[in-house]
Amino acid sequence: MSTQPSPSSQASASLAASLVTFGSMVALILGSVALFGSSAEDGALQVAMTFGLAIAMVIAAATGRSAEELSGAIRSSIDSALGTIFVLLAVGALIGSLFLSGTIATVVYYGAEFGTPQILYILVFVLASGLSLAIGSSFTTIAAVGLPFVALAPAMGVSPEATAGAAVAGALLGDSLSRISDTLLLTASVVGVEPPAHRRALGKVLVPGWVLSAVVFVILGFRDGASGGFDSSSVQQTIESQFWVSPIALLPLVVVLVLSARTTGFLSLMAGSASAIVLAAFTQGDLIADLTSGEGVDGFAAWASASLTAMGEGFSLDSGTDALDATFSGGGVTSMLPTVWLILVAAAFGALVTRTGMLDRLLAPLFRWAVGRFQLIVATAVTSVGMNAALADPYASVILSGSTFRDRFKKARLEPYVLSTTIAGSGTIASPLIPWNVMGAFSAGTLGVATLSFAPYAVLLWSTPLIVLIMGYAVFSRREIPDAESTEAVYGKEPSALPERRTSV
């Protein structure tokens, strides 16, 4: 995301203009959340942020910025977000097709047979952690693990919000630590640290939060699942009355997981969607006939109609059982449009406040305060979180936070992994907790659970920044480069090229 402000723009941003711009956006966001709660993400939040963007553009124009300059910055920012947007649209198509193929129904069926309500949360957390470590993609993990188990949660009588929190938290573990994670490679590259050194240091920060999360999910599982009343045979019989259930129905998920390590997120998700609708043609004939019974079509035309509807508008089961219909309905490209709206507005606002220097103007007092080593770590963590909130993109936050503090950490003779760990363990890990951030918007749009609803359960995401500060004071602030070594040699040259993000088309 090209949001780096020019030197002239940084110098010309006034404190008053910066305060009004950010104050207006924050007030509008808080107002929408106060009025609508977690449902604000269904549209109220987007409207509020659109007005905030309009106010920011007026203020920028009033301070002498040309329309061409602002439009160019916004276009550049949105261009870099297009890969994520296409992935979101592909996820919408995939969800609808997975409902049609019976893939989600199959996961729920076998989950009801082999799982119990008491272990669902910890099972999802462990599966998401393991899968994300293996494939290095939080996006794919959230879709592959989170979606079917969030659908299973109501059938088991436990919380979909807690299940979503477990899936998102587990997915971020691998996104942070996997050897093939683009986020890990980007952070190490920007800072100038060897990936293994970064992984070792970040692992020490993440392990306590992971263990704490696991304990919380075990406790919540036994609390929420203790009420009993879960009849697995009844759930399975109900599912079998509507879907053809077989391990073969899991094939589309296998396609997504295999291809996610070999090609872009968009292509792997669309391949999964294509395999799902082809599978549905052979396995879900009765379901397709029921879905298209009022259209006067059959055969190929019925399959095409049901497939395009599921991918475009979403899947909607009409079994006559309210609980079943609610569980097995959703998806479609159109379901992702509010999320796309959120990302577009947030990306535009982030481009504007960085291009005009407003963000740097607000952060200037923090930079002046950070004279000691621990203060420098605190300032980095605060800036990383702030960048994720202002720019709505963890990639842009990593780049700007790294480039902003690299020289400051070199002057303080702090080891480079201290900077990379602080960035990854603060703003990056917490990005799914911000509703308008790419990660927060993606998670909510994919799982159908509002960010503000699953956030309290994603313990790993909000405990890790606190652990970073504790370790920053007790350990990291004392990890200085020996006087005999050159900081230039330890950090190396600033990278001329950065790793490609895997959400690209």
Protein backbone atom coordinates (compact mmCIF):
# COMPACT_ATOMS: atom_id res chain seq x y z
CA MET A 1 0.00 0.00 0.00
CA SER A 2 1.68 3.21 -1.15
CA THR A 3 0.92 5.52 1.72
CA GLN A 4 4.33 6.94 2.57
CA PRO A 5 4.00 10.75 2.88
CA SER A 6 6.39 13.02 1.10
CA PRO A 7 8.71 15.24 3.20
CA SER A 8 6.82 18.36 2.22
CA SER A 9 3.49 16.86 3.21
CA GLN A 10 4.84 15.90 6.61
CA ALA A 11 6.07 19.41 7.26
CA SER A 12 2.85 21.14 6.24
CA ALA A 13 0.37 19.11 8.32
CA SER A 14 -0.94 21.21 11.22
CA LEU A 15 -1.81 19.82 14.62
CA ALA A 16 -5.30 21.37 14.45
CA ALA A 17 -6.06 19.79 11.08
CA SER A 18 -4.76 16.43 12.28
CA LEU A 19 -6.79 16.52 15.50
CA VAL A 20 -10.01 17.48 13.72
CA THR A 21 -9.52 14.83 11.04
CA PHE A 22 -8.82 11.97 13.42
CA GLY A 23 -11.23 13.27 16.06
CA SER A 24 -14.09 13.34 13.58
CA MET A 25 -13.39 9.81 12.37
CA VAL A 26 -13.05 8.42 15.90
CA ALA A 27 -16.23 10.18 17.05
CA LEU A 28 -18.22 8.83 14.09
CA ILE A 29 -16.92 5.30 14.61
CA LEU A 30 -17.64 5.31 18.34
CA GLY A 31 -21.06 6.82 17.70
CA SER A 32 -22.04 4.07 15.25
CA VAL A 33 -20.84 1.36 17.65
CA ALA A 34 -22.64 2.97 20.59
CA LEU A 35 -25.90 3.13 18.64
CA PHE A 36 -25.80 -0.24 16.88
CA GLY A 37 -23.36 -2.39 18.87
CA SER A 38 -21.83 -5.31 16.99
CA SER A 39 -24.42 -4.93 14.23
CA ALA A 40 -22.76 -1.62 13.30
CA GLU A 41 -20.53 -3.60 10.94
CA ASP A 42 -23.59 -4.44 8.83
CA GLY A 43 -23.63 -0.91 7.40
CA ALA A 44 -23.72 1.80 10.07
CA LEU A 45 -19.95 1.69 10.57
CA GLN A 46 -19.34 1.97 6.84
CA VAL A 47 -21.61 5.00 6.56
CA ALA A 48 -19.93 6.63 9.56
CA MET A 49 -16.45 6.08 8.12
CA THR A 50 -17.55 7.38 4.72
CA PHE A 51 -18.60 10.64 6.36
CA GLY A 52 -15.28 10.66 8.24
CA LEU A 53 -13.43 10.27 4.94
CA ALA A 54 -15.43 13.13 3.42
CA ILE A 55 -14.51 15.39 6.37
CA ALA A 56 -10.84 14.42 6.01
CA MET A 57 -10.88 15.27 2.29
CA VAL A 58 -12.47 18.67 2.96
CA ILE A 59 -9.84 19.47 5.61
CA ALA A 60 -7.02 18.32 3.35
CA ALA A 61 -8.35 20.46 0.50
CA ALA A 62 -8.72 23.45 2.85
CA THR A 63 -5.05 23.17 3.81
CA GLY A 64 -3.98 23.49 0.18
CA ARG A 65 -3.98 19.91 -1.09
CA SER A 66 -5.05 19.54 -4.70
CA ALA A 67 -7.76 17.13 -5.74
CA GLU A 68 -5.29 15.43 -8.08
CA GLU A 69 -2.80 14.79 -5.28
CA LEU A 70 -5.42 13.35 -2.94
CA SER A 71 -7.03 11.25 -5.65
CA GLY A 72 -3.66 9.86 -6.69
CA ALA A 73 -2.81 8.83 -3.13
CA ILE A 74 -6.19 7.19 -2.64
CA ARG A 75 -6.01 5.35 -5.97
CA SER A 76 -2.58 3.99 -5.10
CA SER A 77 -3.81 2.76 -1.73
CA ILE A 78 -6.91 1.12 -3.19
CA ASP A 79 -4.84 -0.50 -5.94
CA SER A 80 -2.78 -2.29 -3.29
CA ALA A 81 -5.99 -3.45 -1.56
CA LEU A 82 -7.47 -4.98 -4.72
CA GLY A 83 -5.79 -8.33 -4.12
CA THR A 84 -7.47 -8.61 -0.73
CA ILE A 85 -10.80 -7.51 -2.17
CA PHE A 86 -10.69 -10.20 -4.85
CA VAL A 87 -9.83 -12.77 -2.19
CA LEU A 88 -12.87 -11.62 -0.20
CA LEU A 89 -15.12 -12.01 -3.22
CA ALA A 90 -13.67 -15.47 -3.85
CA VAL A 91 -14.34 -16.40 -0.21
CA GLY A 92 -17.98 -15.36 -0.65
CA ALA A 93 -18.29 -17.59 -3.70
CA LEU A 94 -16.52 -20.44 -1.89
CA ILE A 95 -18.81 -20.29 1.14
CA GLY A 96 -21.94 -20.48 -1.00
CA SER A 97 -20.58 -23.37 -3.04
CA LEU A 98 -19.46 -25.27 0.10
CA PHE A 99 -23.01 -25.11 1.40
CA LEU A 100 -24.33 -26.40 -1.94
CA SER A 101 -21.85 -29.26 -2.17
CA GLY A 102 -22.66 -30.43 1.35
CA THR A 103 -19.06 -29.83 2.48
CA ILE A 104 -20.04 -27.75 5.49
CA ALA A 105 -22.89 -30.14 6.27
CA THR A 106 -20.39 -33.02 6.23
CA VAL A 107 -18.03 -31.25 8.63
CA VAL A 108 -20.94 -30.56 10.98
CA TYR A 109 -22.13 -34.19 10.63
CA TYR A 110 -18.77 -35.72 11.56
CA GLY A 111 -18.13 -33.03 14.12
CA ALA A 112 -21.37 -34.02 15.83
CA GLU A 113 -20.30 -37.67 15.73
CA PHE A 114 -16.75 -37.39 17.01
CA GLY A 115 -16.74 -34.08 18.86
CA THR A 116 -18.43 -32.85 21.98
CA PRO A 117 -19.58 -29.38 22.97
CA GLN A 118 -17.02 -29.33 25.77
CA ILE A 119 -14.00 -29.61 23.46
CA LEU A 120 -15.21 -27.65 20.44
CA TYR A 121 -13.43 -24.36 21.28
CA ILE A 122 -10.07 -25.91 22.10
CA LEU A 123 -10.36 -28.26 19.11
CA VAL A 124 -10.90 -25.33 16.73
CA PHE A 125 -8.06 -23.36 18.35
CA VAL A 126 -5.59 -26.24 18.02
CA LEU A 127 -6.66 -27.13 14.46
CA ALA A 128 -6.41 -23.49 13.32
CA SER A 129 -3.01 -23.10 14.99
CA GLY A 130 -1.64 -26.26 13.37
CA LEU A 131 -3.03 -25.57 9.92
CA SER A 132 -1.85 -21.96 9.85
CA LEU A 133 1.65 -23.01 10.94
CA ALA A 134 1.69 -25.54 8.10
CA ILE A 135 0.44 -23.31 5.28
CA GLY A 136 1.36 -19.83 6.59
CA SER A 137 -1.98 -18.28 5.63
CA SER A 138 -4.46 -16.87 8.11
CA PHE A 139 -6.97 -16.13 5.33
CA THR A 140 -7.17 -19.75 4.18
CA THR A 141 -7.20 -21.09 7.74
CA ILE A 142 -10.07 -18.84 8.82
CA ALA A 143 -12.12 -19.95 5.83
CA ALA A 144 -11.25 -23.67 6.02
CA VAL A 145 -11.42 -24.19 9.79
CA GLY A 146 -13.52 -21.33 11.11
CA LEU A 147 -16.43 -21.47 8.72
CA PRO A 148 -17.60 -25.10 9.20
CA PHE A 149 -17.05 -25.11 12.97
CA VAL A 150 -18.84 -21.80 13.46
CA ALA A 151 -21.75 -23.47 11.64
CA LEU A 152 -21.46 -26.47 13.98
CA ALA A 153 -21.50 -24.39 17.18
CA PRO A 154 -25.26 -23.61 17.27
CA ALA A 155 -26.10 -27.27 16.67
CA MET A 156 -23.99 -28.15 19.70
CA GLY A 157 -25.56 -25.41 21.79
CA VAL A 158 -22.31 -23.46 22.25
CA SER A 159 -21.22 -19.97 21.23
CA PRO A 160 -20.47 -19.22 17.54
CA GLU A 161 -18.69 -16.06 18.75
CA ALA A 162 -16.29 -18.03 20.96
CA THR A 163 -15.74 -20.52 18.13
CA ALA A 164 -14.94 -17.68 15.75
CA GLY A 165 -12.54 -16.19 18.28
CA ALA A 166 -10.75 -19.54 18.58
CA ALA A 167 -10.43 -19.86 14.79
CA VAL A 168 -9.13 -16.32 14.26
CA ALA A 169 -6.68 -16.48 17.16
CA GLY A 170 -5.30 -19.83 16.02
CA ALA A 171 -5.00 -18.59 12.44
CA LEU A 172 -2.91 -15.60 13.53
CA LEU A 173 -0.44 -17.85 15.32
CA GLY A 174 0.71 -19.46 12.08
CA ASP A 175 0.46 -16.19 10.18
CA SER A 176 2.97 -14.81 12.67
CA LEU A 177 5.33 -17.80 13.04
CA SER A 178 5.12 -20.02 9.96
CA ARG A 179 8.36 -20.18 7.96
CA ILE A 180 6.42 -19.51 4.76
CA SER A 181 4.21 -16.72 6.13
CA ASP A 182 4.38 -13.62 3.97
CA THR A 183 3.76 -11.48 7.06
CA LEU A 184 6.77 -12.97 8.86
CA LEU A 185 9.01 -12.58 5.82
CA LEU A 186 7.85 -9.00 5.26
CA THR A 187 8.49 -7.97 8.88
CA ALA A 188 11.95 -9.54 8.91
CA SER A 189 12.82 -7.94 5.56
CA VAL A 190 11.70 -4.43 6.50
CA VAL A 191 13.58 -4.46 9.80
CA GLY A 192 16.71 -6.22 8.59
CA VAL A 193 16.66 -9.33 10.80
CA GLU A 194 17.15 -12.95 9.85
CA PRO A 195 13.75 -14.77 9.83
CA PRO A 196 14.91 -17.54 12.23
CA ALA A 197 16.00 -14.94 14.82
CA HIS A 198 12.70 -13.14 14.45
CA ARG A 199 10.74 -16.40 14.83
CA ARG A 200 12.62 -17.38 17.99
CA ALA A 201 12.04 -14.03 19.67
CA LEU A 202 8.40 -13.76 18.58
CA GLY A 203 7.73 -17.33 19.69
CA LYS A 204 8.77 -16.43 23.24
CA VAL A 205 6.15 -13.68 23.18
CA LEU A 206 3.37 -15.76 21.61
CA VAL A 207 3.71 -18.97 23.64
CA PRO A 208 2.43 -17.49 26.94
CA GLY A 209 -0.60 -16.00 25.18
CA TRP A 210 -1.25 -19.26 23.34
CA VAL A 211 -1.18 -21.26 26.58
CA LEU A 212 -3.44 -18.72 28.30
CA SER A 213 -5.85 -18.90 25.35
CA ALA A 214 -5.91 -22.69 25.46
CA VAL A 215 -6.73 -22.65 29.17
CA VAL A 216 -9.52 -20.12 28.59
CA PHE A 217 -11.03 -22.18 25.75
CA VAL A 218 -10.98 -25.35 27.86
CA ILE A 219 -12.73 -23.56 30.74
CA LEU A 220 -15.28 -21.92 28.44
CA GLY A 221 -15.89 -25.23 26.68
CA PHE A 222 -16.80 -27.07 29.84
CA ARG A 223 -18.88 -24.11 31.01
CA ASP A 224 -20.87 -23.68 27.79
CA GLY A 225 -21.11 -27.40 27.03
CA ALA A 226 -22.13 -28.47 30.51
CA SER A 227 -25.83 -27.75 29.97
CA GLY A 228 -26.20 -30.98 28.00
CA GLY A 229 -29.14 -31.54 25.68
CA PHE A 230 -26.94 -32.17 22.63
CA ASP A 231 -28.34 -35.07 20.64
CA SER A 232 -25.77 -35.94 17.98
CA SER A 233 -27.95 -38.60 16.34
CA SER A 234 -30.82 -36.14 15.93
CA VAL A 235 -28.49 -33.57 14.36
CA GLN A 236 -27.07 -36.17 11.99
CA GLN A 237 -30.48 -37.44 10.93
CA THR A 238 -31.63 -33.91 10.21
CA ILE A 239 -28.57 -33.23 8.08
CA GLU A 240 -28.97 -36.50 6.17
CA SER A 241 -32.55 -35.56 5.33
CA GLN A 242 -31.26 -32.62 3.27
CA PHE A 243 -27.68 -33.42 2.18
CA TRP A 244 -25.72 -36.37 0.84
CA VAL A 245 -23.00 -36.83 3.46
CA SER A 246 -19.68 -38.50 2.69
CA PRO A 247 -15.95 -37.88 3.21
CA ILE A 248 -15.87 -37.18 -0.53
CA ALA A 249 -17.68 -33.91 0.22
CA LEU A 250 -14.51 -32.68 1.94
CA LEU A 251 -12.65 -32.65 -1.39
CA PRO A 252 -13.14 -28.88 -2.03
CA LEU A 253 -11.42 -28.07 1.27
CA VAL A 254 -8.52 -30.31 0.27
CA VAL A 255 -8.27 -28.46 -3.05
CA VAL A 256 -8.10 -25.10 -1.27
CA LEU A 257 -5.46 -26.25 1.21
CA VAL A 258 -3.23 -27.92 -1.40
CA LEU A 259 -3.36 -25.01 -3.84
CA SER A 260 -2.96 -22.32 -1.18
CA ALA A 261 0.73 -23.24 -0.86
CA ARG A 262 1.25 -23.24 -4.63
CA THR A 263 -0.66 -20.28 -6.00
CA THR A 264 -2.40 -17.07 -4.98
CA GLY A 265 -5.21 -16.93 -2.46
CA PHE A 266 -7.74 -15.87 -5.09
CA LEU A 267 -6.98 -18.76 -7.44
CA SER A 268 -6.91 -21.41 -4.70
CA LEU A 269 -10.27 -20.23 -3.34
CA MET A 270 -11.89 -20.08 -6.78
CA ALA A 271 -10.55 -23.56 -7.55
CA GLY A 272 -12.16 -24.76 -4.35
CA SER A 273 -15.42 -23.13 -5.34
CA ALA A 274 -15.31 -24.70 -8.80
CA SER A 275 -14.62 -28.15 -7.40
CA ALA A 276 -17.50 -27.73 -4.94
CA ILE A 277 -20.12 -26.96 -7.57
CA VAL A 278 -18.87 -29.78 -9.82
CA LEU A 279 -19.08 -32.13 -6.86
CA ALA A 280 -22.60 -30.91 -6.11
CA ALA A 281 -23.71 -31.89 -9.62
CA PHE A 282 -22.96 -35.55 -8.82
CA THR A 283 -23.80 -35.75 -5.12
CA GLN A 284 -26.53 -33.22 -4.32
CA GLY A 285 -29.04 -33.85 -7.10
CA ASP A 286 -32.08 -33.99 -4.81
CA LEU A 287 -31.04 -30.80 -3.02
CA ILE A 288 -30.54 -28.97 -6.33
CA ALA A 289 -33.94 -30.17 -7.53
CA ASP A 290 -35.57 -28.83 -4.38
CA LEU A 291 -33.78 -25.47 -4.64
CA THR A 292 -34.88 -24.96 -8.27
CA SER A 293 -38.32 -26.57 -8.09
CA GLY A 294 -40.10 -23.27 -8.69
CA GLU A 295 -38.01 -22.26 -11.69
CA GLY A 296 -39.28 -24.86 -14.15
CA VAL A 297 -35.81 -26.16 -14.99
CA ASP A 298 -34.03 -29.46 -14.54
CA GLY A 299 -30.79 -31.22 -15.38
CA PHE A 300 -27.89 -28.98 -16.36
CA ALA A 301 -29.99 -25.81 -16.19
CA ALA A 302 -31.04 -26.57 -12.61
CA TRP A 303 -27.43 -27.23 -11.57
CA ALA A 304 -26.20 -24.04 -13.25
CA SER A 305 -28.95 -21.97 -11.64
CA ALA A 306 -28.32 -23.37 -8.15
CA SER A 307 -24.55 -23.01 -8.51
CA LEU A 308 -24.58 -19.42 -9.76
CA THR A 309 -27.11 -18.42 -7.13
CA ALA A 310 -25.07 -20.02 -4.33
CA MET A 311 -21.85 -18.35 -5.44
CA GLY A 312 -23.39 -14.98 -6.28
CA GLU A 313 -26.26 -14.41 -3.85
CA GLY A 314 -25.50 -17.12 -1.29
CA PHE A 315 -26.99 -20.46 -0.35
CA SER A 316 -30.38 -20.55 1.33
CA LEU A 317 -31.78 -23.81 2.63
CA ASP A 318 -35.56 -24.14 2.90
CA SER A 319 -36.06 -27.34 4.88
CA GLY A 320 -38.88 -26.12 7.09
CA THR A 321 -36.66 -26.43 10.19
CA ASP A 322 -35.64 -22.98 11.35
CA ALA A 323 -32.49 -24.09 13.17
CA LEU A 324 -31.26 -26.09 10.19
CA ASP A 325 -32.06 -23.33 7.72
CA ALA A 326 -30.17 -20.77 9.82
CA THR A 327 -27.13 -23.04 10.12
CA PHE A 328 -26.88 -23.95 6.45
CA SER A 329 -27.48 -20.61 4.79
CA GLY A 330 -25.09 -17.84 3.83
CA GLY A 331 -22.15 -16.96 1.64
CA GLY A 332 -22.22 -15.50 -1.82
CA VAL A 333 -20.24 -12.66 -3.32
CA THR A 334 -22.91 -10.13 -2.38
CA SER A 335 -22.48 -10.99 1.32
CA MET A 336 -18.93 -9.62 1.11
CA LEU A 337 -19.86 -6.23 -0.33
CA PRO A 338 -20.26 -4.51 3.08
CA THR A 339 -16.78 -5.78 3.96
CA VAL A 340 -15.37 -4.51 0.67
CA TRP A 341 -16.99 -1.12 1.34
CA LEU A 342 -15.32 -1.02 4.75
CA ILE A 343 -11.89 -1.83 3.33
CA LEU A 344 -12.18 0.74 0.52
CA VAL A 345 -13.12 3.58 2.87
CA ALA A 346 -10.46 2.63 5.42
CA ALA A 347 -7.78 2.35 2.73
CA ALA A 348 -8.70 5.75 1.31
CA PHE A 349 -8.60 7.38 4.75
CA GLY A 350 -5.24 5.80 5.52
CA ALA A 351 -3.78 7.07 2.26
CA LEU A 352 -5.06 10.58 2.91
CA VAL A 353 -3.73 10.95 6.46
CA THR A 354 -0.30 9.59 5.53
CA ARG A 355 0.01 11.60 2.31
CA THR A 356 -0.86 14.85 4.07
CA GLY A 357 1.41 14.06 7.04
CA MET A 358 -1.45 14.18 9.55
CA LEU A 359 -0.57 10.79 11.01
CA ASP A 360 3.08 11.74 11.52
CA ARG A 361 2.01 15.05 13.07
CA LEU A 362 -0.03 13.25 15.71
CA LEU A 363 2.78 10.78 16.39
CA ALA A 364 5.48 13.47 16.69
CA PRO A 365 5.06 13.92 20.50
CA LEU A 366 5.36 10.13 20.92
CA PHE A 367 8.62 10.17 18.97
CA ARG A 368 10.01 12.98 21.13
CA TRP A 369 9.04 11.08 24.30
CA ALA A 370 10.79 7.87 23.24
CA VAL A 371 14.31 8.67 24.41
CA GLY A 372 15.02 5.51 26.43
CA ARG A 373 15.10 1.94 25.18
CA PHE A 374 11.90 0.82 26.89
CA GLN A 375 10.14 4.02 25.82
CA LEU A 376 11.24 3.24 22.28
CA ILE A 377 9.64 -0.20 22.51
CA VAL A 378 6.42 1.31 23.90
CA ALA A 379 6.37 3.94 21.14
CA THR A 380 6.82 1.24 18.50
CA ALA A 381 3.98 -0.86 19.87
CA VAL A 382 1.64 2.13 20.11
CA THR A 383 2.58 3.24 16.59
CA SER A 384 2.08 -0.24 15.15
CA VAL A 385 -1.41 -0.51 16.66
CA GLY A 386 -2.20 3.05 15.57
CA MET A 387 -0.99 2.39 12.03
CA ASN A 388 -3.21 -0.69 11.81
CA ALA A 389 -6.18 1.37 12.93
CA ALA A 390 -5.41 4.35 10.68
CA LEU A 391 -4.28 2.49 7.54
CA ALA A 392 -6.53 -0.59 7.93
CA ASP A 393 -3.80 -2.80 6.47
CA PRO A 394 -1.30 -4.84 8.52
CA TYR A 395 1.12 -4.92 5.58
CA ALA A 396 1.24 -1.13 5.31
CA SER A 397 1.56 -0.88 9.08
CA VAL A 398 4.58 -3.22 9.09
CA ILE A 399 6.30 -1.25 6.34
CA LEU A 400 5.71 2.19 7.86
CA SER A 401 6.40 1.14 11.46
CA GLY A 402 9.60 -0.63 10.43
CA SER A 403 10.91 2.23 8.32
CA THR A 404 9.98 4.78 11.00
CA PHE A 405 11.78 3.07 13.89
CA ARG A 406 14.64 1.24 12.17
CA ASP A 407 17.16 4.07 12.54
CA ARG A 408 15.97 4.84 16.07
CA PHE A 409 16.58 1.25 17.17
CA LYS A 410 19.99 1.30 15.49
CA LYS A 411 20.97 4.43 17.42
CA ALA A 412 19.79 2.79 20.65
CA ARG A 413 21.90 -0.27 19.72
CA LEU A 414 18.95 -2.59 20.23
CA GLU A 415 19.00 -5.95 18.47
CA PRO A 416 16.91 -5.90 15.26
CA TYR A 417 14.70 -8.78 16.43
CA VAL A 418 13.50 -6.51 19.26
CA LEU A 419 11.99 -4.16 16.66
CA SER A 420 10.53 -6.94 14.50
CA THR A 421 9.03 -8.72 17.51
CA THR A 422 7.51 -5.51 18.86
CA ILE A 423 5.83 -4.75 15.52
CA ALA A 424 4.58 -8.32 14.97
CA GLY A 425 3.49 -8.79 18.58
CA SER A 426 1.53 -5.55 18.86
CA GLY A 427 -0.18 -4.10 15.80
CA THR A 428 0.05 -7.09 13.47
CA ILE A 429 -1.28 -9.67 15.92
CA ALA A 430 -4.07 -7.30 17.05
CA SER A 431 -5.20 -6.31 13.54
CA PRO A 432 -8.20 -8.72 13.48
CA LEU A 433 -9.62 -6.89 16.50
CA ILE A 434 -10.08 -3.69 14.44
CA PRO A 435 -13.39 -3.98 12.52
CA TRP A 436 -12.26 -1.88 9.55
CA ASN A 437 -8.79 -3.42 9.30
CA VAL A 438 -8.35 -5.86 6.42
CA MET A 439 -7.96 -8.75 8.86
CA GLY A 440 -10.89 -7.77 11.06
CA ALA A 441 -13.17 -7.17 8.09
CA PHE A 442 -12.13 -10.42 6.41
CA SER A 443 -12.68 -12.48 9.56
CA ALA A 444 -16.10 -11.00 10.24
CA GLY A 445 -17.21 -11.28 6.61
CA THR A 446 -16.04 -14.87 6.26
CA LEU A 447 -17.37 -16.22 9.55
CA GLY A 448 -20.55 -14.15 9.70
CA VAL A 449 -19.66 -13.03 13.23
CA ALA A 450 -19.03 -9.35 13.96
CA THR A 451 -15.50 -8.40 14.98
CA LEU A 452 -16.72 -6.85 18.22
CA SER A 453 -18.52 -10.11 19.03
CA PHE A 454 -15.58 -12.52 18.65
CA ALA A 455 -12.89 -10.10 19.91
CA PRO A 456 -13.33 -10.83 23.66
CA TYR A 457 -12.70 -14.55 23.03
CA ALA A 458 -9.58 -14.05 20.91
CA VAL A 459 -7.37 -13.93 24.00
CA LEU A 460 -4.12 -14.46 22.08
CA LEU A 461 -4.70 -11.34 20.01
CA TRP A 462 -5.15 -8.86 22.84
CA SER A 463 -2.90 -10.48 25.45
CA THR A 464 0.18 -10.60 23.20
CA PRO A 465 0.67 -6.79 23.01
CA LEU A 466 0.61 -6.71 26.81
CA ILE A 467 3.19 -9.51 26.95
CA VAL A 468 5.34 -7.59 24.46
CA LEU A 469 5.43 -4.61 26.80
CA ILE A 470 6.21 -6.78 29.83
CA MET A 471 9.05 -8.57 28.02
CA GLY A 472 10.12 -5.27 26.52
CA TYR A 473 10.73 -3.91 29.99
CA ALA A 474 12.17 -7.05 31.56
CA VAL A 475 14.12 -8.56 28.65
CA PHE A 476 14.18 -6.85 25.26
CA SER A 477 15.27 -3.38 26.40
CA ARG A 478 18.47 -5.03 27.68
CA ARG A 479 19.26 -6.85 24.41
CA GLU A 480 21.78 -4.37 23.05
CA ILE A 481 24.29 -4.88 20.27
CA PRO A 482 27.84 -5.28 21.66
CA ASP A 483 30.00 -2.18 21.21
CA ALA A 484 32.46 -4.18 19.16
CA GLU A 485 29.85 -4.84 16.46
CA SER A 486 28.66 -2.38 13.83
CA THR A 487 24.94 -1.65 13.84
CA GLU A 488 25.12 -1.17 10.08
CA ALA A 489 26.42 -4.70 9.69
CA VAL A 490 23.87 -6.17 12.11
CA TYR A 491 20.87 -4.51 10.46
CA GLY A 492 22.20 -4.60 6.91
CA LYS A 493 20.99 -2.42 4.07
CA GLU A 494 17.37 -1.37 3.79
CA PRO A 495 15.56 -3.76 1.41
CA SER A 496 15.07 -2.60 -2.16
CA ALA A 497 12.23 -5.10 -2.69
CA LEU A 498 9.73 -6.65 -0.30
CA PRO A 499 8.10 -10.12 -0.32
CA GLU A 500 4.88 -10.40 -2.30
CA ARG A 501 1.74 -10.66 -0.22
CA ARG A 502 -0.08 -13.95 -0.74
CA THR A 503 -3.52 -12.34 -0.87
CA SER A 504 -2.63 -10.88 -4.27
CA VAL A 505 -4.52 -11.95 -7.35
